[in-house]
Amino acid sequence: MIEISNRFNALEEHKPTIETFHKIMEEEAERFGKNGKNKPNEKLEEDMEIERLNENRKTLKKKEGKTTAEKIEYTELNKLVKKKRRARKRRKRKEEVEKIIENGRSPKEAYKGGARKKISCMIKANGESATDRDEIITIF
């Protein structure tokens, strides 16, 4: 006797619930969603510190009737947040340039590379900084 079986019997045995469906969808989205552009923001300790300082700065800004000490603290926090953001931006650009150079691409691409130039200054072998484009290219 020939027995005909339904290929969907396995699904009937395990009745899916909303929770299992949601879990499966998240796993698949995570697996297929990694194309490089949709990276989750990786927050480093540096980023967390900048956020914390910025929150302190915002609370001081909203406060009315500030004392002289609070005004000075607000000004110093402003300076510190800007300084840390510049340093973070400089570090990220430096990492991008290093990645371009490691991949063996053109130094000109590392210099231009988009809407904003990535290299603004390079250190020569003798320790001096070079800011002219031609000098930077010769350093490579």
N, C-alpha and C. Protein backbone atom coordinates (compact mmCIF):
# COMPACT_ATOMS: atom_id res chain seq x y z
N MET A 1 0.83 -1.18 0.00
CA MET A 1 0.00 0.00 0.00
C MET A 1 0.89 1.26 0.00
N ILE A 2 0.53 2.22 -0.76
CA ILE A 2 1.28 3.47 -0.88
C ILE A 2 0.75 4.45 0.15
N GLU A 3 1.70 5.00 0.90
CA GLU A 3 1.31 6.00 1.93
C GLU A 3 1.72 7.39 1.46
N ILE A 4 0.79 8.26 1.42
CA ILE A 4 1.04 9.63 1.01
C ILE A 4 1.13 10.48 2.27
N SER A 5 2.22 11.20 2.39
CA SER A 5 2.37 12.04 3.59
C SER A 5 2.39 13.51 3.20
N ASN A 6 1.98 14.27 4.11
CA ASN A 6 1.95 15.72 3.91
C ASN A 6 3.30 16.28 4.33
N ARG A 7 3.93 17.06 3.47
CA ARG A 7 5.25 17.58 3.81
C ARG A 7 5.18 18.70 4.85
N PHE A 8 4.01 19.16 5.16
CA PHE A 8 3.87 20.22 6.16
C PHE A 8 3.48 19.67 7.53
N ASN A 9 3.56 18.36 7.72
CA ASN A 9 3.23 17.76 9.01
C ASN A 9 4.13 18.29 10.12
N ALA A 10 5.36 18.56 9.81
CA ALA A 10 6.29 19.04 10.82
C ALA A 10 5.83 20.39 11.38
N LEU A 11 5.24 21.20 10.54
CA LEU A 11 4.75 22.49 11.01
C LEU A 11 3.52 22.34 11.91
N GLU A 12 2.71 21.37 11.63
CA GLU A 12 1.51 21.17 12.43
C GLU A 12 1.86 20.67 13.83
N GLU A 13 2.96 19.92 13.94
CA GLU A 13 3.37 19.43 15.25
C GLU A 13 3.80 20.56 16.16
N HIS A 14 4.50 21.55 15.64
CA HIS A 14 5.00 22.67 16.44
C HIS A 14 4.21 23.91 16.06
N LYS A 15 3.10 24.09 16.72
CA LYS A 15 2.27 25.27 16.43
C LYS A 15 3.04 26.52 16.83
N PRO A 16 3.40 27.37 15.86
CA PRO A 16 4.17 28.56 16.19
C PRO A 16 3.32 29.60 16.94
N THR A 17 3.96 30.24 17.88
CA THR A 17 3.31 31.32 18.60
C THR A 17 3.91 32.64 18.12
N ILE A 18 3.33 33.71 18.57
CA ILE A 18 3.82 35.03 18.17
C ILE A 18 5.26 35.21 18.64
N GLU A 19 5.58 34.73 19.84
CA GLU A 19 6.93 34.90 20.40
C GLU A 19 7.97 34.17 19.55
N THR A 20 7.66 32.92 19.16
CA THR A 20 8.62 32.17 18.36
C THR A 20 8.76 32.79 16.98
N PHE A 21 7.65 33.25 16.41
CA PHE A 21 7.70 33.91 15.11
C PHE A 21 8.56 35.18 15.18
N HIS A 22 8.36 35.96 16.25
CA HIS A 22 9.14 37.19 16.43
C HIS A 22 10.62 36.87 16.58
N LYS A 23 10.93 35.84 17.35
CA LYS A 23 12.32 35.45 17.57
C LYS A 23 12.97 35.02 16.26
N ILE A 24 12.27 34.22 15.47
CA ILE A 24 12.80 33.76 14.19
C ILE A 24 13.03 34.93 13.24
N MET A 25 12.08 35.86 13.21
CA MET A 25 12.22 37.02 12.32
C MET A 25 13.41 37.88 12.73
N GLU A 26 13.62 38.07 14.03
CA GLU A 26 14.78 38.84 14.49
C GLU A 26 16.09 38.17 14.10
N GLU A 27 16.16 36.84 14.28
CA GLU A 27 17.37 36.10 13.92
C GLU A 27 17.67 36.22 12.43
N GLU A 28 16.66 36.09 11.60
CA GLU A 28 16.86 36.18 10.16
C GLU A 28 17.23 37.59 9.74
N ALA A 29 16.59 38.57 10.34
CA ALA A 29 16.90 39.97 10.00
C ALA A 29 18.33 40.29 10.40
N GLU A 30 18.76 39.77 11.54
CA GLU A 30 20.14 40.00 11.99
C GLU A 30 21.13 39.31 11.06
N ARG A 31 20.77 38.13 10.61
CA ARG A 31 21.66 37.37 9.72
C ARG A 31 21.78 38.02 8.35
N PHE A 32 20.67 38.50 7.78
CA PHE A 32 20.71 39.06 6.44
C PHE A 32 20.95 40.57 6.44
N GLY A 33 20.80 41.21 7.57
CA GLY A 33 20.91 42.67 7.62
C GLY A 33 22.33 43.18 7.75
N LYS A 34 23.31 42.32 7.73
CA LYS A 34 24.70 42.75 7.91
C LYS A 34 25.35 43.01 6.56
N ASN A 35 25.04 44.16 5.98
CA ASN A 35 25.66 44.49 4.70
C ASN A 35 26.71 45.58 4.86
N GLY A 36 26.99 45.99 6.07
CA GLY A 36 28.02 46.99 6.28
C GLY A 36 27.45 48.38 6.47
N LYS A 37 26.35 48.68 5.80
CA LYS A 37 25.78 50.01 5.92
C LYS A 37 24.88 50.12 7.14
N ASN A 38 24.28 49.04 7.53
CA ASN A 38 23.35 49.05 8.65
C ASN A 38 23.98 48.53 9.92
N LYS A 39 25.22 48.93 10.16
CA LYS A 39 25.89 48.48 11.37
C LYS A 39 25.26 49.16 12.57
N PRO A 40 25.12 48.43 13.66
CA PRO A 40 24.66 49.11 14.86
C PRO A 40 25.76 50.05 15.34
N ASN A 41 25.34 51.15 15.89
CA ASN A 41 26.33 52.11 16.37
C ASN A 41 27.10 51.50 17.53
N GLU A 42 28.38 51.38 17.32
CA GLU A 42 29.24 50.83 18.35
C GLU A 42 29.67 51.98 19.25
N LYS A 43 29.16 51.99 20.46
CA LYS A 43 29.49 53.07 21.37
C LYS A 43 30.71 52.66 22.20
N LEU A 44 31.73 53.42 22.02
CA LEU A 44 32.94 53.20 22.78
C LEU A 44 32.86 53.96 24.09
N GLU A 45 33.82 53.72 24.95
CA GLU A 45 33.88 54.42 26.22
C GLU A 45 33.99 55.93 26.00
N GLU A 46 34.72 56.29 24.96
CA GLU A 46 34.89 57.70 24.61
C GLU A 46 33.54 58.33 24.26
N ASP A 47 32.70 57.61 23.50
CA ASP A 47 31.39 58.11 23.11
C ASP A 47 30.48 58.26 24.33
N MET A 48 30.56 57.30 25.23
CA MET A 48 29.73 57.35 26.44
C MET A 48 30.12 58.56 27.30
N GLU A 49 31.41 58.83 27.37
CA GLU A 49 31.88 59.97 28.16
C GLU A 49 31.40 61.28 27.54
N ILE A 50 31.46 61.38 26.21
CA ILE A 50 30.99 62.58 25.54
C ILE A 50 29.50 62.78 25.78
N GLU A 51 28.73 61.71 25.71
CA GLU A 51 27.29 61.81 25.98
C GLU A 51 27.02 62.28 27.40
N ARG A 52 27.76 61.73 28.35
CA ARG A 52 27.57 62.11 29.75
C ARG A 52 27.89 63.58 29.96
N LEU A 53 29.00 64.03 29.39
CA LEU A 53 29.37 65.44 29.51
C LEU A 53 28.35 66.35 28.83
N ASN A 54 27.84 65.89 27.70
CA ASN A 54 26.85 66.68 26.97
C ASN A 54 25.55 66.80 27.76
N GLU A 55 25.14 65.72 28.43
CA GLU A 55 23.94 65.77 29.27
C GLU A 55 24.12 66.77 30.41
N ASN A 56 25.29 66.75 31.03
CA ASN A 56 25.58 67.72 32.10
C ASN A 56 25.52 69.14 31.56
N ARG A 57 26.06 69.31 30.36
CA ARG A 57 26.06 70.63 29.73
C ARG A 57 24.63 71.10 29.44
N LYS A 58 23.79 70.18 28.95
CA LYS A 58 22.41 70.54 28.64
C LYS A 58 21.62 70.93 29.89
N THR A 59 21.84 70.19 30.98
CA THR A 59 21.12 70.53 32.22
C THR A 59 21.54 71.90 32.73
N LEU A 60 22.83 72.21 32.62
CA LEU A 60 23.29 73.54 33.03
C LEU A 60 22.75 74.64 32.12
N LYS A 61 22.60 74.33 30.85
CA LYS A 61 22.11 75.32 29.90
C LYS A 61 20.66 75.68 30.20
N LYS A 62 19.85 74.67 30.56
CA LYS A 62 18.43 74.89 30.82
C LYS A 62 18.17 75.60 32.14
N LYS A 63 19.12 75.51 33.04
CA LYS A 63 18.95 76.08 34.36
C LYS A 63 18.89 77.61 34.29
N GLU A 64 17.93 78.19 34.99
CA GLU A 64 17.79 79.65 35.02
C GLU A 64 18.39 80.19 36.30
N GLY A 65 18.86 81.39 36.23
CA GLY A 65 19.45 82.02 37.41
C GLY A 65 20.74 81.35 37.84
N LYS A 66 21.63 81.17 36.89
CA LYS A 66 22.89 80.47 37.19
C LYS A 66 23.81 81.38 37.99
N THR A 67 24.54 80.74 38.88
CA THR A 67 25.57 81.47 39.61
C THR A 67 26.78 81.62 38.70
N THR A 68 27.73 82.41 39.14
CA THR A 68 28.94 82.62 38.35
C THR A 68 29.71 81.31 38.18
N ALA A 69 29.76 80.52 39.24
CA ALA A 69 30.46 79.24 39.16
C ALA A 69 29.79 78.31 38.15
N GLU A 70 28.45 78.32 38.10
CA GLU A 70 27.74 77.47 37.14
C GLU A 70 27.95 77.95 35.71
N LYS A 71 28.03 79.26 35.52
CA LYS A 71 28.31 79.80 34.19
C LYS A 71 29.69 79.37 33.72
N ILE A 72 30.65 79.43 34.64
CA ILE A 72 32.02 79.02 34.29
C ILE A 72 32.04 77.52 33.99
N GLU A 73 31.34 76.73 34.81
CA GLU A 73 31.30 75.29 34.58
C GLU A 73 30.67 74.97 33.23
N TYR A 74 29.59 75.70 32.88
CA TYR A 74 28.93 75.49 31.59
C TYR A 74 29.90 75.79 30.45
N THR A 75 30.62 76.88 30.56
CA THR A 75 31.58 77.25 29.52
C THR A 75 32.68 76.20 29.38
N GLU A 76 33.18 75.73 30.51
CA GLU A 76 34.24 74.71 30.48
C GLU A 76 33.72 73.39 29.90
N LEU A 77 32.47 73.02 30.25
CA LEU A 77 31.89 71.80 29.68
C LEU A 77 31.73 71.93 28.17
N ASN A 78 31.31 73.12 27.72
CA ASN A 78 31.20 73.37 26.27
C ASN A 78 32.53 73.13 25.59
N LYS A 79 33.59 73.71 26.14
CA LYS A 79 34.92 73.57 25.55
C LYS A 79 35.36 72.10 25.55
N LEU A 80 35.13 71.41 26.67
CA LEU A 80 35.57 70.03 26.79
C LEU A 80 34.83 69.11 25.82
N VAL A 81 33.51 69.31 25.67
CA VAL A 81 32.73 68.48 24.75
C VAL A 81 33.21 68.70 23.32
N LYS A 82 33.42 69.95 22.94
CA LYS A 82 33.91 70.23 21.58
C LYS A 82 35.27 69.61 21.35
N LYS A 83 36.15 69.71 22.35
CA LYS A 83 37.50 69.16 22.22
C LYS A 83 37.46 67.64 22.05
N LYS A 84 36.63 66.96 22.84
CA LYS A 84 36.53 65.51 22.76
C LYS A 84 35.91 65.07 21.43
N ARG A 85 34.92 65.83 20.94
CA ARG A 85 34.32 65.50 19.64
C ARG A 85 35.34 65.65 18.52
N ARG A 86 36.14 66.71 18.57
CA ARG A 86 37.19 66.90 17.55
C ARG A 86 38.19 65.75 17.59
N ALA A 87 38.58 65.36 18.80
CA ALA A 87 39.55 64.27 18.93
C ALA A 87 38.98 62.96 18.39
N ARG A 88 37.70 62.70 18.68
CA ARG A 88 37.06 61.48 18.19
C ARG A 88 37.00 61.50 16.66
N LYS A 89 36.62 62.64 16.11
CA LYS A 89 36.52 62.78 14.66
C LYS A 89 37.88 62.58 14.01
N ARG A 90 38.92 63.17 14.60
CA ARG A 90 40.28 63.03 14.08
C ARG A 90 40.73 61.58 14.12
N ARG A 91 40.42 60.89 15.22
CA ARG A 91 40.81 59.48 15.36
C ARG A 91 40.10 58.62 14.32
N LYS A 92 38.81 58.87 14.08
CA LYS A 92 38.07 58.07 13.10
C LYS A 92 38.60 58.31 11.69
N ARG A 93 38.91 59.58 11.37
CA ARG A 93 39.47 59.86 10.05
C ARG A 93 40.82 59.19 9.88
N LYS A 94 41.62 59.19 10.94
CA LYS A 94 42.94 58.55 10.89
C LYS A 94 42.78 57.05 10.63
N GLU A 95 41.81 56.41 11.29
CA GLU A 95 41.56 54.99 11.08
C GLU A 95 41.14 54.72 9.64
N GLU A 96 40.29 55.61 9.08
CA GLU A 96 39.87 55.43 7.68
C GLU A 96 41.07 55.51 6.74
N VAL A 97 41.94 56.48 6.97
CA VAL A 97 43.11 56.66 6.12
C VAL A 97 44.02 55.45 6.23
N GLU A 98 44.24 54.95 7.44
CA GLU A 98 45.08 53.77 7.63
C GLU A 98 44.49 52.57 6.90
N LYS A 99 43.17 52.44 6.93
CA LYS A 99 42.52 51.32 6.25
C LYS A 99 42.71 51.45 4.73
N ILE A 100 42.58 52.68 4.20
CA ILE A 100 42.78 52.90 2.77
C ILE A 100 44.21 52.54 2.37
N ILE A 101 45.16 52.96 3.17
CA ILE A 101 46.57 52.70 2.85
C ILE A 101 46.90 51.22 2.98
N GLU A 102 46.35 50.55 4.01
CA GLU A 102 46.60 49.12 4.18
C GLU A 102 46.05 48.31 3.02
N ASN A 103 44.93 48.77 2.44
CA ASN A 103 44.35 48.05 1.31
C ASN A 103 45.10 48.30 0.01
N GLY A 104 46.13 49.15 0.07
CA GLY A 104 46.97 49.37 -1.09
C GLY A 104 46.38 50.32 -2.11
N ARG A 105 45.45 51.15 -1.68
CA ARG A 105 44.87 52.11 -2.62
C ARG A 105 45.72 53.37 -2.67
N SER A 106 45.36 54.27 -3.55
CA SER A 106 46.15 55.46 -3.84
C SER A 106 46.19 56.44 -2.67
N PRO A 107 47.35 57.06 -2.43
CA PRO A 107 47.43 58.10 -1.40
C PRO A 107 46.53 59.29 -1.72
N LYS A 108 46.30 59.53 -3.02
CA LYS A 108 45.40 60.62 -3.38
C LYS A 108 43.99 60.32 -2.91
N GLU A 109 43.59 59.06 -2.98
CA GLU A 109 42.26 58.67 -2.49
C GLU A 109 42.17 58.88 -0.99
N ALA A 110 43.26 58.60 -0.30
CA ALA A 110 43.28 58.81 1.15
C ALA A 110 43.22 60.29 1.46
N TYR A 111 43.80 61.09 0.59
CA TYR A 111 43.80 62.54 0.83
C TYR A 111 42.44 63.14 0.54
N LYS A 112 41.85 62.81 -0.62
CA LYS A 112 40.56 63.38 -0.99
C LYS A 112 39.44 62.56 -0.38
N GLY A 113 39.18 61.42 -0.96
CA GLY A 113 38.29 60.42 -0.44
C GLY A 113 36.85 60.79 -0.13
N GLY A 114 36.31 61.87 -0.59
CA GLY A 114 34.91 62.14 -0.33
C GLY A 114 34.63 63.62 -0.28
N ALA A 115 33.56 63.97 0.40
CA ALA A 115 33.15 65.37 0.48
C ALA A 115 34.16 66.20 1.28
N ARG A 116 34.79 65.56 2.24
CA ARG A 116 35.75 66.28 3.08
C ARG A 116 37.07 65.53 3.03
N LYS A 117 38.15 66.28 2.96
CA LYS A 117 39.44 65.60 2.92
C LYS A 117 39.70 64.91 4.26
N LYS A 118 40.28 63.74 4.19
CA LYS A 118 40.50 62.95 5.39
C LYS A 118 41.82 63.27 6.07
N ILE A 119 42.80 63.66 5.28
CA ILE A 119 44.11 63.96 5.85
C ILE A 119 44.28 65.47 5.87
N SER A 120 44.48 66.01 7.02
CA SER A 120 44.75 67.45 7.10
C SER A 120 46.18 67.70 7.52
N CYS A 121 46.81 66.69 8.14
CA CYS A 121 48.17 66.86 8.63
C CYS A 121 48.83 65.48 8.75
N MET A 122 50.09 65.39 8.37
CA MET A 122 50.87 64.16 8.54
C MET A 122 52.17 64.52 9.24
N ILE A 123 52.70 63.59 9.98
CA ILE A 123 53.96 63.80 10.69
C ILE A 123 55.10 63.25 9.84
N LYS A 124 56.10 64.10 9.60
CA LYS A 124 57.27 63.68 8.84
C LYS A 124 58.16 62.80 9.71
N ALA A 125 59.18 62.20 9.10
CA ALA A 125 60.10 61.32 9.82
C ALA A 125 60.88 62.09 10.89
N ASN A 126 61.15 63.37 10.65
CA ASN A 126 61.91 64.16 11.63
C ASN A 126 61.02 64.75 12.72
N GLY A 127 59.70 64.48 12.69
CA GLY A 127 58.80 64.92 13.74
C GLY A 127 58.01 66.18 13.43
N GLU A 128 58.32 66.84 12.32
CA GLU A 128 57.58 68.04 11.94
C GLU A 128 56.26 67.65 11.29
N SER A 129 55.27 68.55 11.37
CA SER A 129 53.99 68.25 10.75
C SER A 129 53.93 68.88 9.36
N ALA A 130 53.34 68.15 8.43
CA ALA A 130 53.20 68.62 7.05
C ALA A 130 51.72 68.82 6.77
N THR A 131 51.35 70.01 6.31
CA THR A 131 49.95 70.30 6.01
C THR A 131 49.70 70.53 4.53
N ASP A 132 50.74 70.73 3.73
CA ASP A 132 50.60 70.94 2.30
C ASP A 132 50.33 69.60 1.62
N ARG A 133 49.44 69.62 0.63
CA ARG A 133 49.05 68.39 -0.05
C ARG A 133 50.24 67.67 -0.68
N ASP A 134 51.11 68.42 -1.35
CA ASP A 134 52.25 67.80 -2.01
C ASP A 134 53.20 67.15 -1.01
N GLU A 135 53.39 67.81 0.13
CA GLU A 135 54.26 67.23 1.17
C GLU A 135 53.65 65.95 1.72
N ILE A 136 52.33 65.96 1.92
CA ILE A 136 51.66 64.78 2.47
C ILE A 136 51.81 63.60 1.52
N ILE A 137 51.65 63.84 0.23
CA ILE A 137 51.76 62.75 -0.74
C ILE A 137 53.18 62.21 -0.79
N THR A 138 54.18 63.10 -0.63
CA THR A 138 55.57 62.61 -0.63
C THR A 138 55.89 61.78 0.61
N ILE A 139 55.18 62.02 1.71
CA ILE A 139 55.40 61.23 2.93
C ILE A 139 55.00 59.79 2.71
N PHE A 140 53.96 59.55 1.92
CA PHE A 140 53.52 58.20 1.64
C PHE A 140 54.62 57.47 0.92
